[in-house]
Amino acid sequence: MQLESILHDIPVRQRIEEAFVFPTMESKEVIVWSLLIFSGYLTLQSQELVSGRVMDDLVIPNREVRLIYEDFLQEPLRVNSIRILLTALQQGDGQVFEKIIREYLLNSVSVFDLPRYELEKSYHLFVLGLLVTLSDVYEVISNRESGYGCYDIMLVPKDVKKRGIVIEFKRVAKKGIA
């Protein structure tokens, strides 16, 4: 899941060990991250001192390395990105949610697929299709009356201790484009 975050340009925070022995690699995840840094497959974006330990924010260094990660992780990432999408929803992180949806749309939808005057409905159906994959964790409900109106999508958690999520799609004008 952390590799998926990196592919979405979300840095992964890890502690890096400069000295280690290879036999401990299987038992210490931090060594794998250290090897990725030392071999150039990740780079340091920033550091922060947390509880007396230096924590590093790691990112992909360039486009060529990004392509290696994408090829290596192609299939598992499709499932994980939906989990990251859900995490973003649960945490109220609209920027990450929007970024993942934008990537899905840019990689799969043509302008010819979207009717000009029913964009909201098209986006609604696209996101609904993604969220239905979460039906093991949520009851996914679309276009129902509630209170004084109607919501677009509601995710009702099967575990009552989890948050419910309500999604409403709106078309907005941006930079002179409707």
Protein backbone atom coordinates (compact mmCIF):
# COMPACT_ATOMS: atom_id res chain seq x y z
CA MET A 1 0.00 0.00 0.00
CA GLN A 2 2.90 2.35 0.69
CA LEU A 3 4.27 1.77 -2.81
CA GLU A 4 0.84 2.67 -4.18
CA SER A 5 0.98 5.91 -2.20
CA ILE A 6 4.35 6.74 -3.72
CA LEU A 7 2.93 6.23 -7.20
CA HIS A 8 0.23 8.77 -6.32
CA ASP A 9 2.99 11.25 -5.36
CA ILE A 10 2.24 10.84 -1.66
CA PRO A 11 5.58 10.50 0.19
CA VAL A 12 6.07 7.50 2.43
CA ARG A 13 7.48 8.24 5.88
CA GLN A 14 10.08 5.69 6.96
CA ARG A 15 13.14 5.42 9.12
CA ILE A 16 16.27 4.59 7.13
CA GLU A 17 19.07 2.44 8.58
CA GLU A 18 22.52 3.08 7.19
CA ALA A 19 24.05 -0.03 8.77
CA PHE A 20 22.39 -3.44 8.59
CA VAL A 21 23.08 -7.08 7.86
CA PHE A 22 21.28 -8.89 5.07
CA PRO A 23 20.06 -11.88 7.13
CA THR A 24 17.77 -9.50 9.07
CA MET A 25 16.13 -8.26 5.86
CA GLU A 26 13.12 -10.54 6.11
CA SER A 27 12.34 -9.49 9.67
CA LYS A 28 12.94 -5.74 9.35
CA GLU A 29 10.93 -3.83 6.75
CA VAL A 30 13.07 -0.73 7.31
CA ILE A 31 15.98 -2.50 5.57
CA VAL A 32 13.98 -2.85 2.35
CA TRP A 33 13.26 0.89 2.36
CA SER A 34 16.94 1.55 3.09
CA LEU A 35 18.00 -0.57 0.12
CA LEU A 36 15.56 1.26 -2.16
CA ILE A 37 17.07 4.59 -1.08
CA PHE A 38 20.69 3.43 -1.42
CA SER A 39 20.08 1.88 -4.85
CA GLY A 40 18.40 5.01 -6.23
CA TYR A 41 14.89 3.58 -6.57
CA LEU A 42 13.64 6.13 -4.02
CA THR A 43 14.92 9.52 -3.01
CA LEU A 44 14.68 11.64 0.12
CA GLN A 45 12.20 14.51 -0.10
CA SER A 46 12.43 15.75 3.50
CA GLN A 47 13.30 14.71 7.04
CA GLU A 48 11.70 15.30 10.42
CA LEU A 49 12.77 14.46 13.94
CA VAL A 50 9.96 12.41 15.55
CA SER A 51 10.37 11.17 19.13
CA GLY A 52 14.13 11.36 18.86
CA ARG A 53 14.30 9.46 15.54
CA VAL A 54 14.90 10.88 12.10
CA MET A 55 11.98 10.03 9.82
CA ASP A 56 12.43 10.39 6.07
CA ASP A 57 9.78 11.22 3.50
CA LEU A 58 10.56 9.08 0.47
CA VAL A 59 9.48 9.67 -3.15
CA ILE A 60 10.18 8.29 -6.61
CA PRO A 61 13.20 10.13 -8.06
CA ASN A 62 12.22 10.34 -11.76
CA ARG A 63 9.95 9.20 -14.57
CA GLU A 64 12.10 6.21 -15.56
CA VAL A 65 11.99 4.75 -12.05
CA ARG A 66 8.25 5.49 -11.87
CA LEU A 67 7.74 3.34 -14.98
CA ILE A 68 9.66 0.48 -13.34
CA TYR A 69 7.37 0.63 -10.29
CA GLU A 70 4.25 0.84 -12.46
CA ASP A 71 5.27 -2.19 -14.52
CA PHE A 72 6.21 -4.19 -11.43
CA LEU A 73 3.08 -3.36 -9.48
CA GLN A 74 0.52 -3.08 -12.27
CA GLU A 75 -2.19 -5.54 -11.15
CA PRO A 76 -1.96 -5.34 -7.35
CA LEU A 77 -2.11 -1.55 -7.53
CA ARG A 78 -5.56 -1.50 -9.05
CA VAL A 79 -6.98 -3.06 -5.90
CA ASN A 80 -4.77 -1.07 -3.52
CA SER A 81 -5.56 2.28 -5.10
CA ILE A 82 -9.20 1.68 -4.34
CA ARG A 83 -8.21 1.04 -0.71
CA ILE A 84 -6.22 4.30 -0.71
CA LEU A 85 -9.26 5.99 -2.22
CA LEU A 86 -11.36 4.63 0.65
CA THR A 87 -8.79 5.73 3.23
CA ALA A 88 -8.83 9.23 1.72
CA LEU A 89 -12.63 9.26 1.98
CA GLN A 90 -12.57 8.05 5.58
CA GLN A 91 -10.02 10.69 6.54
CA GLY A 92 -11.79 13.47 4.64
CA ASP A 93 -8.79 13.93 2.34
CA GLY A 94 -10.46 15.35 -0.74
CA GLN A 95 -7.16 16.09 -2.48
CA VAL A 96 -6.00 12.46 -2.49
CA PHE A 97 -9.50 11.27 -3.46
CA GLU A 98 -9.61 13.76 -6.35
CA LYS A 99 -6.09 12.84 -7.48
CA ILE A 100 -6.85 9.11 -7.66
CA ILE A 101 -10.17 9.69 -9.46
CA ARG A 102 -8.43 12.04 -11.91
CA GLU A 103 -5.76 9.39 -12.65
CA TYR A 104 -8.40 6.73 -13.21
CA LEU A 105 -10.32 9.01 -15.57
CA LEU A 106 -7.25 10.18 -17.49
CA ASN A 107 -6.12 6.59 -17.99
CA SER A 108 -9.45 5.09 -18.95
CA VAL A 109 -12.00 7.63 -20.26
CA SER A 110 -12.05 9.54 -23.52
CA VAL A 111 -13.80 12.89 -24.04
CA PHE A 112 -15.99 11.00 -26.51
CA ASP A 113 -17.23 8.76 -23.66
CA LEU A 114 -18.67 11.65 -21.65
CA PRO A 115 -21.90 13.36 -22.71
CA ARG A 116 -21.40 17.12 -22.57
CA TYR A 117 -24.56 17.91 -20.61
CA GLU A 118 -24.61 14.90 -18.27
CA LEU A 119 -21.07 14.99 -16.86
CA GLU A 120 -22.25 14.72 -13.27
CA LYS A 121 -24.12 11.51 -14.06
CA SER A 122 -21.09 10.07 -15.88
CA TYR A 123 -18.73 10.80 -12.99
CA HIS A 124 -21.33 9.44 -10.57
CA LEU A 125 -21.51 6.13 -12.43
CA PHE A 126 -17.73 5.90 -12.78
CA VAL A 127 -17.10 6.45 -9.05
CA LEU A 128 -20.00 4.17 -8.14
CA GLY A 129 -18.41 1.41 -10.23
CA LEU A 130 -15.13 1.84 -8.33
CA LEU A 131 -16.78 1.92 -4.92
CA VAL A 132 -18.87 -1.20 -5.51
CA THR A 133 -15.61 -3.11 -5.10
CA LEU A 134 -15.81 -2.12 -1.42
CA SER A 135 -19.03 -4.04 -0.87
CA ASP A 136 -17.26 -6.40 1.50
CA VAL A 137 -16.76 -3.48 3.91
CA TYR A 138 -19.61 -1.10 2.96
CA GLU A 139 -23.14 -1.20 1.72
CA VAL A 140 -22.93 1.00 -1.37
CA ILE A 141 -26.17 2.89 -2.04
CA SER A 142 -26.86 5.25 -4.94
CA ASN A 143 -29.38 8.08 -5.46
CA ARG A 144 -31.73 7.78 -2.51
CA GLU A 145 -33.82 10.34 -0.70
CA SER A 146 -32.52 11.48 2.65
CA GLY A 147 -33.62 14.35 4.82
CA TYR A 148 -34.64 17.24 2.55
CA GLY A 149 -32.92 15.98 -0.57
CA CYS A 150 -31.18 13.17 -2.34
CA TYR A 151 -27.56 12.05 -2.06
CA ASP A 152 -25.51 10.68 -4.94
CA ILE A 153 -23.63 7.86 -3.18
CA MET A 154 -23.66 6.69 0.41
CA LEU A 155 -21.29 4.15 1.91
CA VAL A 156 -22.80 2.54 4.99
CA PRO A 157 -20.14 0.67 6.97
CA LYS A 158 -20.87 -2.94 7.85
CA ASP A 159 -18.85 -2.36 11.04
CA VAL A 160 -20.90 0.16 13.06
CA LYS A 161 -17.71 1.54 14.62
CA LYS A 162 -16.55 2.86 11.22
CA ARG A 163 -17.62 6.15 9.63
CA GLY A 164 -20.28 6.33 6.98
CA ILE A 165 -19.52 8.35 3.86
CA VAL A 166 -21.85 10.48 1.74
CA ILE A 167 -20.71 11.66 -1.69
CA GLU A 168 -22.39 14.43 -3.66
CA PHE A 169 -21.25 15.33 -7.17
CA LYS A 170 -21.53 18.89 -8.46
CA ARG A 171 -20.51 20.42 -11.72
CA VAL A 172 -18.54 23.63 -11.19
CA ALA A 173 -17.07 26.22 -13.50
CA LYS A 174 -13.29 26.37 -13.35
CA LYS A 175 -11.12 28.98 -15.09
CA GLY A 176 -13.86 29.96 -17.46
CA ILE A 177 -14.74 26.37 -18.35
CA ALA A 178 -18.13 25.03 -17.29
